[in-house]
């Protein structure tokens, strides 16, 4: 893990296309802004965990307990049925946080 100290207004650049800006610090809270391409999913950890749980629930509802069919958080192997894909998408849409329109 890379650990950095940043002040308000300072930025981090990741991979030439992701920009993280420190917007505000207040006590133990830090407000950050993230600018990234639309195809990159960005979630707060607690939302990410809820989506993972929803994915597991959808797998269980489909009678498929093999989580290895998921190729990562956002990717799904080609051999998974379209019904399964639509259930995962439905759960994900319910839990997703809308990105700002300027991204």
PDB file of N, CA and C in Angstrom:
ATOM      1  N   UNK A   1       0.848  -1.171   0.000  1.00  0.00           N
ATOM      2  CA  UNK A   1       0.000   0.000   0.000  1.00  0.00           C
ATOM      3  C   UNK A   1       0.893   1.234   0.000  1.00  0.00           C
ATOM      4  N   UNK A   2       0.600   2.134  -0.888  1.00  0.00           N
ATOM      5  CA  UNK A   2       1.287   3.414  -0.944  1.00  0.00           C
ATOM      6  C   UNK A   2       0.584   4.362   0.024  1.00  0.00           C
ATOM      7  N   UNK A   3       1.328   4.983   0.919  1.00  0.00           N
ATOM      8  CA  UNK A   3       0.762   5.915   1.889  1.00  0.00           C
ATOM      9  C   UNK A   3       1.319   7.304   1.581  1.00  0.00           C
ATOM     10  N   UNK A   4       0.428   8.273   1.385  1.00  0.00           N
ATOM     11  CA  UNK A   4       0.819   9.636   1.038  1.00  0.00           C
ATOM     12  C   UNK A   4       0.163  10.646   1.965  1.00  0.00           C
ATOM     13  N   UNK A   5       0.786  11.781   2.107  1.00  0.00           N
ATOM     14  CA  UNK A   5       0.186  12.908   2.806  1.00  0.00           C
ATOM     15  C   UNK A   5      -0.111  13.971   1.760  1.00  0.00           C
ATOM     16  N   UNK A   6      -1.332  14.458   1.730  1.00  0.00           N
ATOM     17  CA  UNK A   6      -1.754  15.471   0.769  1.00  0.00           C
ATOM     18  C   UNK A   6      -2.484  16.581   1.504  1.00  0.00           C
ATOM     19  N   UNK A   7      -2.440  17.779   0.930  1.00  0.00           N
ATOM     20  CA  UNK A   7      -3.168  18.925   1.467  1.00  0.00           C
ATOM     21  C   UNK A   7      -4.331  19.251   0.541  1.00  0.00           C
ATOM     22  N   UNK A   8      -5.254  20.074   1.059  1.00  0.00           N
ATOM     23  CA  UNK A   8      -6.410  20.502   0.261  1.00  0.00           C
ATOM     24  C   UNK A   8      -5.936  21.074  -1.077  1.00  0.00           C
ATOM     25  N   UNK A   9      -6.588  20.648  -2.137  1.00  0.00           N
ATOM     26  CA  UNK A   9      -6.265  21.120  -3.480  1.00  0.00           C
ATOM     27  C   UNK A   9      -5.220  20.274  -4.203  1.00  0.00           C
ATOM     28  N   UNK A  10      -4.495  19.453  -3.470  1.00  0.00           N
ATOM     29  CA  UNK A  10      -3.488  18.615  -4.108  1.00  0.00           C
ATOM     30  C   UNK A  10      -4.143  17.392  -4.733  1.00  0.00           C
ATOM     31  N   UNK A  11      -3.461  16.835  -5.744  1.00  0.00           N
ATOM     32  CA  UNK A  11      -4.034  15.742  -6.519  1.00  0.00           C
ATOM     33  C   UNK A  11      -3.110  14.536  -6.557  1.00  0.00           C
ATOM     34  N   UNK A  12      -3.720  13.395  -6.875  1.00  0.00           N
ATOM     35  CA  UNK A  12      -2.999  12.167  -7.205  1.00  0.00           C
ATOM     36  C   UNK A  12      -3.433  11.791  -8.609  1.00  0.00           C
ATOM     37  N   UNK A  13      -2.491  11.340  -9.419  1.00  0.00           N
ATOM     38  CA  UNK A  13      -2.803  10.883 -10.765  1.00  0.00           C
ATOM     39  C   UNK A  13      -2.476   9.393 -10.828  1.00  0.00           C
ATOM     40  N   UNK A  14      -3.428   8.612 -11.281  1.00  0.00           N
ATOM     41  CA  UNK A  14      -3.244   7.165 -11.402  1.00  0.00           C
ATOM     42  C   UNK A  14      -3.417   6.788 -12.862  1.00  0.00           C
ATOM     43  N   UNK A  15      -2.384   6.177 -13.409  1.00  0.00           N
ATOM     44  CA  UNK A  15      -2.465   5.594 -14.751  1.00  0.00           C
ATOM     45  C   UNK A  15      -2.824   6.607 -15.840  1.00  0.00           C
ATOM     46  N   UNK A  16      -2.453   7.834 -15.729  1.00  0.00           N
ATOM     47  CA  UNK A  16      -2.702   8.890 -16.712  1.00  0.00           C
ATOM     48  C   UNK A  16      -4.174   9.237 -16.940  1.00  0.00           C
ATOM     49  N   UNK A  17      -5.124   8.491 -16.346  1.00  0.00           N
ATOM     50  CA  UNK A  17      -6.523   8.784 -16.646  1.00  0.00           C
ATOM     51  C   UNK A  17      -7.437   8.825 -15.422  1.00  0.00           C
ATOM     52  N   UNK A  18      -6.855   8.726 -14.241  1.00  0.00           N
ATOM     53  CA  UNK A  18      -7.636   8.838 -13.008  1.00  0.00           C
ATOM     54  C   UNK A  18      -7.017   9.933 -12.161  1.00  0.00           C
ATOM     55  N   UNK A  19      -7.831  10.879 -11.760  1.00  0.00           N
ATOM     56  CA  UNK A  19      -7.356  12.016 -10.968  1.00  0.00           C
ATOM     57  C   UNK A  19      -8.125  12.070  -9.657  1.00  0.00           C
ATOM     58  N   UNK A  20      -7.397  12.069  -8.557  1.00  0.00           N
ATOM     59  CA  UNK A  20      -8.003  12.164  -7.229  1.00  0.00           C
ATOM     60  C   UNK A  20      -7.567  13.486  -6.624  1.00  0.00           C
ATOM     61  N   UNK A  21      -8.542  14.299  -6.220  1.00  0.00           N
ATOM     62  CA  UNK A  21      -8.261  15.625  -5.664  1.00  0.00           C
ATOM     63  C   UNK A  21      -8.746  15.686  -4.225  1.00  0.00           C
ATOM     64  N   UNK A  22      -7.916  16.205  -3.337  1.00  0.00           N
ATOM     65  CA  UNK A  22      -8.327  16.451  -1.957  1.00  0.00           C
ATOM     66  C   UNK A  22      -9.099  17.767  -1.965  1.00  0.00           C
ATOM     67  N   UNK A  23     -10.396  17.695  -1.679  1.00  0.00           N
ATOM     68  CA  UNK A  23     -11.245  18.877  -1.741  1.00  0.00           C
ATOM     69  C   UNK A  23     -11.344  19.601  -0.407  1.00  0.00           C
ATOM     70  N   UNK A  24     -11.386  18.834   0.679  1.00  0.00           N
ATOM     71  CA  UNK A  24     -11.605  19.440   1.988  1.00  0.00           C
ATOM     72  C   UNK A  24     -11.177  18.462   3.074  1.00  0.00           C
ATOM     73  N   UNK A  25     -10.648  18.996   4.146  1.00  0.00           N
ATOM     74  CA  UNK A  25     -10.379  18.188   5.335  1.00  0.00           C
ATOM     75  C   UNK A  25     -11.077  18.858   6.503  1.00  0.00           C
ATOM     76  N   UNK A  26     -11.737  18.031   7.324  1.00  0.00           N
ATOM     77  CA  UNK A  26     -12.450  18.557   8.481  1.00  0.00           C
ATOM     78  C   UNK A  26     -12.352  17.516   9.580  1.00  0.00           C
ATOM     79  N   UNK A  27     -11.534  17.783  10.596  1.00  0.00           N
ATOM     80  CA  UNK A  27     -11.335  16.803  11.654  1.00  0.00           C
ATOM     81  C   UNK A  27     -10.734  15.540  11.082  1.00  0.00           C
ATOM     82  N   UNK A  28     -11.428  14.425  11.285  1.00  0.00           N
ATOM     83  CA  UNK A  28     -10.942  13.149  10.777  1.00  0.00           C
ATOM     84  C   UNK A  28     -11.546  12.786   9.431  1.00  0.00           C
ATOM     85  N   UNK A  29     -12.314  13.694   8.834  1.00  0.00           N
ATOM     86  CA  UNK A  29     -12.941  13.430   7.540  1.00  0.00           C
ATOM     87  C   UNK A  29     -12.181  14.130   6.424  1.00  0.00           C
ATOM     88  N   UNK A  30     -12.126  13.471   5.301  1.00  0.00           N
ATOM     89  CA  UNK A  30     -11.492  14.030   4.115  1.00  0.00           C
ATOM     90  C   UNK A  30     -12.489  13.913   2.975  1.00  0.00           C
ATOM     91  N   UNK A  31     -12.747  15.016   2.282  1.00  0.00           N
ATOM     92  CA  UNK A  31     -13.626  14.992   1.115  1.00  0.00           C
ATOM     93  C   UNK A  31     -12.721  14.936  -0.112  1.00  0.00           C
ATOM     94  N   UNK A  32     -12.946  13.916  -0.949  1.00  0.00           N
ATOM     95  CA  UNK A  32     -12.122  13.762  -2.141  1.00  0.00           C
ATOM     96  C   UNK A  32     -13.000  13.781  -3.379  1.00  0.00           C
ATOM     97  N   UNK A  33     -12.407  14.157  -4.482  1.00  0.00           N
ATOM     98  CA  UNK A  33     -13.069  14.103  -5.784  1.00  0.00           C
ATOM     99  C   UNK A  33     -12.293  13.136  -6.659  1.00  0.00           C
ATOM    100  N   UNK A  34     -13.020  12.342  -7.429  1.00  0.00           N
ATOM    101  CA  UNK A  34     -12.389  11.378  -8.318  1.00  0.00           C
ATOM    102  C   UNK A  34     -12.886  11.630  -9.729  1.00  0.00           C
ATOM    103  N   UNK A  35     -11.950  11.845 -10.642  1.00  0.00           N
ATOM    104  CA  UNK A  35     -12.281  11.996 -12.054  1.00  0.00           C
ATOM    105  C   UNK A  35     -11.670  10.807 -12.775  1.00  0.00           C
ATOM    106  N   UNK A  36     -12.527  10.012 -13.421  1.00  0.00           N
ATOM    107  CA  UNK A  36     -12.074   8.799 -14.082  1.00  0.00           C
ATOM    108  C   UNK A  36     -12.947   8.541 -15.307  1.00  0.00           C
ATOM    109  N   UNK A  37     -12.450   7.730 -16.238  1.00  0.00           N
ATOM    110  CA  UNK A  37     -13.275   7.377 -17.403  1.00  0.00           C
ATOM    111  C   UNK A  37     -14.553   6.676 -16.967  1.00  0.00           C
ATOM    112  N   UNK A  38     -15.612   6.815 -17.757  1.00  0.00           N
ATOM    113  CA  UNK A  38     -16.917   6.245 -17.424  1.00  0.00           C
ATOM    114  C   UNK A  38     -16.877   4.737 -17.257  1.00  0.00           C
ATOM    115  N   UNK A  39     -15.984   4.060 -17.958  1.00  0.00           N
ATOM    116  CA  UNK A  39     -15.945   2.591 -17.886  1.00  0.00           C
ATOM    117  C   UNK A  39     -15.313   2.069 -16.601  1.00  0.00           C
ATOM    118  N   UNK A  40     -14.784   2.950 -15.771  1.00  0.00           N
ATOM    119  CA  UNK A  40     -14.188   2.546 -14.502  1.00  0.00           C
ATOM    120  C   UNK A  40     -15.227   2.730 -13.400  1.00  0.00           C
ATOM    121  N   UNK A  41     -15.542   1.643 -12.709  1.00  0.00           N
ATOM    122  CA  UNK A  41     -16.499   1.698 -11.607  1.00  0.00           C
ATOM    123  C   UNK A  41     -15.800   2.181 -10.350  1.00  0.00           C
ATOM    124  N   UNK A  42     -16.432   3.109  -9.658  1.00  0.00           N
ATOM    125  CA  UNK A  42     -15.894   3.632  -8.413  1.00  0.00           C
ATOM    126  C   UNK A  42     -16.993   3.548  -7.366  1.00  0.00           C
ATOM    127  N   UNK A  43     -16.703   2.851  -6.269  1.00  0.00           N
ATOM    128  CA  UNK A  43     -17.690   2.672  -5.218  1.00  0.00           C
ATOM    129  C   UNK A  43     -17.061   2.946  -3.858  1.00  0.00           C
ATOM    130  N   UNK A  44     -17.862   3.449  -2.929  1.00  0.00           N
ATOM    131  CA  UNK A  44     -17.440   3.461  -1.531  1.00  0.00           C
ATOM    132  C   UNK A  44     -17.372   2.009  -1.095  1.00  0.00           C
ATOM    133  N   UNK A  45     -16.497   1.707  -0.147  1.00  0.00           N
ATOM    134  CA  UNK A  45     -16.304   0.322   0.272  1.00  0.00           C
ATOM    135  C   UNK A  45     -17.603  -0.332   0.723  1.00  0.00           C
ATOM    136  N   UNK A  46     -18.425   0.374   1.495  1.00  0.00           N
ATOM    137  CA  UNK A  46     -19.647  -0.235   2.004  1.00  0.00           C
ATOM    138  C   UNK A  46     -20.627  -0.558   0.875  1.00  0.00           C
ATOM    139  N   UNK A  47     -20.652   0.256  -0.173  1.00  0.00           N
ATOM    140  CA  UNK A  47     -21.497  -0.025  -1.333  1.00  0.00           C
ATOM    141  C   UNK A  47     -20.927  -1.216  -2.104  1.00  0.00           C
ATOM    142  N   UNK A  48     -19.617  -1.242  -2.265  1.00  0.00           N
ATOM    143  CA  UNK A  48     -18.946  -2.354  -2.936  1.00  0.00           C
ATOM    144  C   UNK A  48     -19.291  -3.676  -2.250  1.00  0.00           C
ATOM    145  N   UNK A  49     -19.254  -3.690  -0.916  1.00  0.00           N
ATOM    146  CA  UNK A  49     -19.572  -4.905  -0.166  1.00  0.00           C
ATOM    147  C   UNK A  49     -21.039  -5.304  -0.360  1.00  0.00           C
ATOM    148  N   UNK A  50     -21.952  -4.332  -0.416  1.00  0.00           N
ATOM    149  CA  UNK A  50     -23.367  -4.629  -0.648  1.00  0.00           C
ATOM    150  C   UNK A  50     -23.573  -5.225  -2.046  1.00  0.00           C
ATOM    151  N   UNK A  51     -22.862  -4.723  -3.020  1.00  0.00           N
ATOM    152  CA  UNK A  51     -22.974  -5.255  -4.380  1.00  0.00           C
ATOM    153  C   UNK A  51     -22.445  -6.685  -4.421  1.00  0.00           C
ATOM    154  N   UNK A  52     -21.340  -6.942  -3.735  1.00  0.00           N
ATOM    155  CA  UNK A  52     -20.818  -8.306  -3.676  1.00  0.00           C
ATOM    156  C   UNK A  52     -21.841  -9.251  -3.057  1.00  0.00           C
ATOM    157  N   UNK A  53     -22.489  -8.801  -1.970  1.00  0.00           N
ATOM    158  CA  UNK A  53     -23.522  -9.626  -1.330  1.00  0.00           C
ATOM    159  C   UNK A  53     -24.686  -9.874  -2.284  1.00  0.00           C
ATOM    160  N   UNK A  54     -25.081  -8.825  -3.025  1.00  0.00           N
ATOM    161  CA  UNK A  54     -26.173  -8.972  -3.992  1.00  0.00           C
ATOM    162  C   UNK A  54     -25.785  -9.956  -5.091  1.00  0.00           C
ATOM    163  N   UNK A  55     -24.540  -9.909  -5.531  1.00  0.00           N
ATOM    164  CA  UNK A  55     -24.063 -10.860  -6.542  1.00  0.00           C
ATOM    165  C   UNK A  55     -24.143 -12.287  -6.011  1.00  0.00           C
ATOM    166  N   UNK A  56     -23.722 -12.488  -4.769  1.00  0.00           N
ATOM    167  CA  UNK A  56     -23.794 -13.812  -4.153  1.00  0.00           C
ATOM    168  C   UNK A  56     -25.244 -14.268  -4.034  1.00  0.00           C
ATOM    169  N   UNK A  57     -26.139 -13.355  -3.664  1.00  0.00           N
ATOM    170  CA  UNK A  57     -27.554 -13.687  -3.542  1.00  0.00           C
ATOM    171  C   UNK A  57     -28.128 -14.094  -4.900  1.00  0.00           C
ATOM    172  N   UNK A  58     -27.758 -13.367  -5.942  1.00  0.00           N
ATOM    173  CA  UNK A  58     -28.241 -13.702  -7.290  1.00  0.00           C
ATOM    174  C   UNK A  58     -27.732 -15.073  -7.709  1.00  0.00           C
ATOM    175  N   UNK A  59     -26.487 -15.366  -7.390  1.00  0.00           N
ATOM    176  CA  UNK A  59     -25.942 -16.693  -7.706  1.00  0.00           C
ATOM    177  C   UNK A  59     -26.721 -17.775  -6.976  1.00  0.00           C
ATOM    178  N   UNK A  60     -27.011 -17.541  -5.705  1.00  0.00           N
ATOM    179  CA  UNK A  60     -27.768 -18.520  -4.927  1.00  0.00           C
ATOM    180  C   UNK A  60     -29.177 -18.713  -5.483  1.00  0.00           C
ATOM    181  N   UNK A  61     -29.817 -17.617  -5.898  1.00  0.00           N
ATOM    182  CA  UNK A  61     -31.157 -17.702  -6.479  1.00  0.00           C
ATOM    183  C   UNK A  61     -31.152 -18.485  -7.784  1.00  0.00           C
ATOM    184  N   UNK A  62     -30.045 -18.421  -8.500  1.00  0.00           N
ATOM    185  CA  UNK A  62     -29.917 -19.155  -9.758  1.00  0.00           C
ATOM    186  C   UNK A  62     -29.511 -20.604  -9.511  1.00  0.00           C
ATOM    187  N   UNK A  63     -29.258 -20.943  -8.243  1.00  0.00           N
ATOM    188  CA  UNK A  63     -28.833 -22.294  -7.925  1.00  0.00           C
ATOM    189  C   UNK A  63     -27.390 -22.545  -8.284  1.00  0.00           C
ATOM    190  N   UNK A  64     -26.619 -21.487  -8.326  1.00  0.00           N
ATOM    191  CA  UNK A  64     -25.215 -21.593  -8.703  1.00  0.00           C
ATOM    192  C   UNK A  64     -24.375 -21.023  -7.575  1.00  0.00           C
ATOM    193  N   UNK A  65     -23.726 -21.878  -6.821  1.00  0.00           N
ATOM    194  CA  UNK A  65     -22.920 -21.417  -5.690  1.00  0.00           C
ATOM    195  C   UNK A  65     -21.469 -21.189  -6.073  1.00  0.00           C
ATOM    196  N   UNK A  66     -21.131 -21.349  -7.356  1.00  0.00           N
ATOM    197  CA  UNK A  66     -19.742 -21.216  -7.792  1.00  0.00           C
ATOM    198  C   UNK A  66     -19.413 -19.762  -8.096  1.00  0.00           C
ATOM    199  N   UNK A  67     -18.842 -19.070  -7.117  1.00  0.00           N
ATOM    200  CA  UNK A  67     -18.482 -17.665  -7.305  1.00  0.00           C
ATOM    201  C   UNK A  67     -17.333 -17.490  -8.278  1.00  0.00           C
ATOM    202  N   UNK A  68     -16.654 -18.584  -8.646  1.00  0.00           N
ATOM    203  CA  UNK A  68     -15.554 -18.487  -9.603  1.00  0.00           C
ATOM    204  C   UNK A  68     -16.033 -18.141 -11.005  1.00  0.00           C
ATOM    205  N   UNK A  69     -17.355 -18.180 -11.240  1.00  0.00           N
ATOM    206  CA  UNK A  69     -17.854 -17.771 -12.555  1.00  0.00           C
ATOM    207  C   UNK A  69     -17.680 -16.272 -12.768  1.00  0.00           C
ATOM    208  N   UNK A  70     -17.524 -15.544 -11.685  1.00  0.00           N
ATOM    209  CA  UNK A  70     -17.237 -14.119 -11.805  1.00  0.00           C
ATOM    210  C   UNK A  70     -15.745 -13.960 -12.048  1.00  0.00           C
ATOM    211  N   UNK A  71     -15.372 -13.144 -13.020  1.00  0.00           N
ATOM    212  CA  UNK A  71     -13.960 -12.971 -13.339  1.00  0.00           C
ATOM    213  C   UNK A  71     -13.362 -11.787 -12.609  1.00  0.00           C
ATOM    214  N   UNK A  72     -14.033 -11.260 -11.670  1.00  0.00           N
ATOM    215  CA  UNK A  72     -13.625 -10.061 -10.958  1.00  0.00           C
ATOM    216  C   UNK A  72     -14.897  -9.356 -10.572  1.00  0.00           C
ATOM    217  N   UNK A  73     -14.793  -8.253  -9.945  1.00  0.00           N
ATOM    218  CA  UNK A  73     -15.995  -7.588  -9.453  1.00  0.00           C
ATOM    219  C   UNK A  73     -16.948  -7.211 -10.573  1.00  0.00           C
ATOM    220  N   UNK A  74     -16.428  -6.595 -11.641  1.00  0.00           N
ATOM    221  CA  UNK A  74     -17.317  -6.114 -12.697  1.00  0.00           C
ATOM    222  C   UNK A  74     -17.436  -7.043 -13.884  1.00  0.00           C
ATOM    223  N   UNK A  75     -16.498  -7.979 -14.046  1.00  0.00           N
ATOM    224  CA  UNK A  75     -16.493  -8.804 -15.241  1.00  0.00           C
ATOM    225  C   UNK A  75     -17.142 -10.142 -15.008  1.00  0.00           C
ATOM    226  N   UNK A  76     -17.811 -10.636 -16.025  1.00  0.00           N
ATOM    227  CA  UNK A  76     -18.481 -11.920 -15.927  1.00  0.00           C
ATOM    228  C   UNK A  76     -18.080 -12.745 -17.149  1.00  0.00           C
ATOM    229  N   UNK A  77     -17.789 -14.014 -16.935  1.00  0.00           N
ATOM    230  CA  UNK A  77     -17.379 -14.879 -18.040  1.00  0.00           C
ATOM    231  C   UNK A  77     -18.495 -15.029 -19.062  1.00  0.00           C
ATOM    232  N   UNK A  78     -18.115 -15.334 -20.297  1.00  0.00           N
ATOM    233  CA  UNK A  78     -19.069 -15.447 -21.400  1.00  0.00           C
ATOM    234  C   UNK A  78     -20.050 -16.590 -21.231  1.00  0.00           C
ATOM    235  N   UNK A  79     -19.692 -17.640 -20.497  1.00  0.00           N
ATOM    236  CA  UNK A  79     -20.552 -18.814 -20.406  1.00  0.00           C
ATOM    237  C   UNK A  79     -21.705 -18.667 -19.404  1.00  0.00           C
ATOM    238  N   UNK A  80     -21.828 -17.514 -18.766  1.00  0.00           N
ATOM    239  CA  UNK A  80     -22.906 -17.287 -17.810  1.00  0.00           C
ATOM    240  C   UNK A  80     -24.156 -16.878 -18.588  1.00  0.00           C
ATOM    241  N   UNK A  81     -25.306 -17.400 -18.212  1.00  0.00           N
ATOM    242  CA  UNK A  81     -26.541 -17.150 -18.954  1.00  0.00           C
ATOM    243  C   UNK A  81     -26.956 -15.685 -18.921  1.00  0.00           C
ATOM    244  N   UNK A  82     -27.725 -15.278 -19.924  1.00  0.00           N
ATOM    245  CA  UNK A  82     -28.198 -13.893 -19.990  1.00  0.00           C
ATOM    246  C   UNK A  82     -29.162 -13.590 -18.848  1.00  0.00           C
ATOM    247  N   UNK A  83     -29.915 -14.600 -18.379  1.00  0.00           N
ATOM    248  CA  UNK A  83     -30.808 -14.415 -17.233  1.00  0.00           C
ATOM    249  C   UNK A  83     -29.992 -14.042 -15.992  1.00  0.00           C
ATOM    250  N   UNK A  84     -28.900 -14.755 -15.802  1.00  0.00           N
ATOM    251  CA  UNK A  84     -28.002 -14.465 -14.677  1.00  0.00           C
ATOM    252  C   UNK A  84     -27.451 -13.052 -14.806  1.00  0.00           C
ATOM    253  N   UNK A  85     -26.996 -12.700 -16.001  1.00  0.00           N
ATOM    254  CA  UNK A  85     -26.440 -11.362 -16.220  1.00  0.00           C
ATOM    255  C   UNK A  85     -27.455 -10.274 -15.905  1.00  0.00           C
ATOM    256  N   UNK A  86     -28.711 -10.476 -16.310  1.00  0.00           N
ATOM    257  CA  UNK A  86     -29.719  -9.456 -16.049  1.00  0.00           C
ATOM    258  C   UNK A  86     -30.020  -9.344 -14.553  1.00  0.00           C
ATOM    259  N   UNK A  87     -29.995 -10.464 -13.814  1.00  0.00           N
ATOM    260  CA  UNK A  87     -30.213 -10.403 -12.367  1.00  0.00           C
ATOM    261  C   UNK A  87     -29.074  -9.654 -11.681  1.00  0.00           C
ATOM    262  N   UNK A  88     -27.843  -9.953 -12.054  1.00  0.00           N
ATOM    263  CA  UNK A  88     -26.691  -9.244 -11.475  1.00  0.00           C
ATOM    264  C   UNK A  88     -26.794  -7.757 -11.789  1.00  0.00           C
ATOM    265  N   UNK A  89     -27.119  -7.412 -13.046  1.00  0.00           N
ATOM    266  CA  UNK A  89     -27.232  -6.011 -13.428  1.00  0.00           C
ATOM    267  C   UNK A  89     -28.329  -5.323 -12.635  1.00  0.00           C
ATOM    268  N   UNK A  90     -29.440  -6.008 -12.416  1.00  0.00           N
ATOM    269  CA  UNK A  90     -30.545  -5.442 -11.655  1.00  0.00           C
ATOM    270  C   UNK A  90     -30.120  -5.125 -10.223  1.00  0.00           C
ATOM    271  N   UNK A  91     -29.457  -6.090  -9.571  1.00  0.00           N
ATOM    272  CA  UNK A  91     -28.972  -5.857  -8.216  1.00  0.00           C
ATOM    273  C   UNK A  91     -27.961  -4.717  -8.190  1.00  0.00           C
ATOM    274  N   UNK A  92     -27.039  -4.712  -9.137  1.00  0.00           N
ATOM    275  CA  UNK A  92     -26.005  -3.683  -9.180  1.00  0.00           C
ATOM    276  C   UNK A  92     -26.619  -2.307  -9.377  1.00  0.00           C
ATOM    277  N   UNK A  93     -27.605  -2.203 -10.268  1.00  0.00           N
ATOM    278  CA  UNK A  93     -28.256  -0.916 -10.509  1.00  0.00           C
ATOM    279  C   UNK A  93     -28.945  -0.385  -9.264  1.00  0.00           C
ATOM    280  N   UNK A  94     -29.522  -1.272  -8.476  1.00  0.00           N
ATOM    281  CA  UNK A  94     -30.204  -0.846  -7.251  1.00  0.00           C
ATOM    282  C   UNK A  94     -29.231  -0.270  -6.236  1.00  0.00           C
ATOM    283  N   UNK A  95     -27.981  -0.743  -6.245  1.00  0.00           N
ATOM    284  CA  UNK A  95     -27.025  -0.349  -5.224  1.00  0.00           C
ATOM    285  C   UNK A  95     -25.998   0.671  -5.694  1.00  0.00           C
ATOM    286  N   UNK A  96     -25.927   0.901  -6.986  1.00  0.00           N
ATOM    287  CA  UNK A  96     -24.902   1.790  -7.529  1.00  0.00           C
ATOM    288  C   UNK A  96     -25.148   3.237  -7.137  1.00  0.00           C
ATOM    289  N   UNK A  97     -24.056   3.951  -7.013  1.00  0.00           N
ATOM    290  CA  UNK A  97     -24.111   5.388  -6.754  1.00  0.00           C
ATOM    291  C   UNK A  97     -23.911   6.076  -8.085  1.00  0.00           C
ATOM    292  N   UNK A  98     -24.797   7.024  -8.433  1.00  0.00           N
ATOM    293  CA  UNK A  98     -24.670   7.731  -9.703  1.00  0.00           C
ATOM    294  C   UNK A  98     -23.393   8.545  -9.733  1.00  0.00           C
ATOM    295  N   UNK A  99     -22.710   8.492 -10.867  1.00  0.00           N
ATOM    296  CA  UNK A  99     -21.504   9.296 -11.046  1.00  0.00           C
ATOM    297  C   UNK A  99     -21.909  10.700 -11.507  1.00  0.00           C
ATOM    298  N   UNK A 100     -21.102  11.706 -11.156  1.00  0.00           N
ATOM    299  CA  UNK A 100     -21.385  13.047 -11.677  1.00  0.00           C
ATOM    300  C   UNK A 100     -21.356  13.036 -13.203  1.00  0.00           C
ATOM    301  N   UNK A 101     -22.171  13.864 -13.829  1.00  0.00           N
ATOM    302  CA  UNK A 101     -22.291  13.868 -15.283  1.00  0.00           C
ATOM    303  C   UNK A 101     -21.053  14.380 -15.989  1.00  0.00           C
ATOM    304  N   UNK A 102     -20.133  15.077 -15.283  1.00  0.00           N
ATOM    305  CA  UNK A 102     -18.942  15.627 -15.930  1.00  0.00           C
ATOM    306  C   UNK A 102     -17.849  14.606 -16.143  1.00  0.00           C
ATOM    307  N   UNK A 103     -18.076  13.359 -15.763  1.00  0.00           N
ATOM    308  CA  UNK A 103     -17.040  12.329 -15.945  1.00  0.00           C
ATOM    309  C   UNK A 103     -17.184  11.635 -17.255  1.00  0.00           C
TER     310      UNK A 103
END
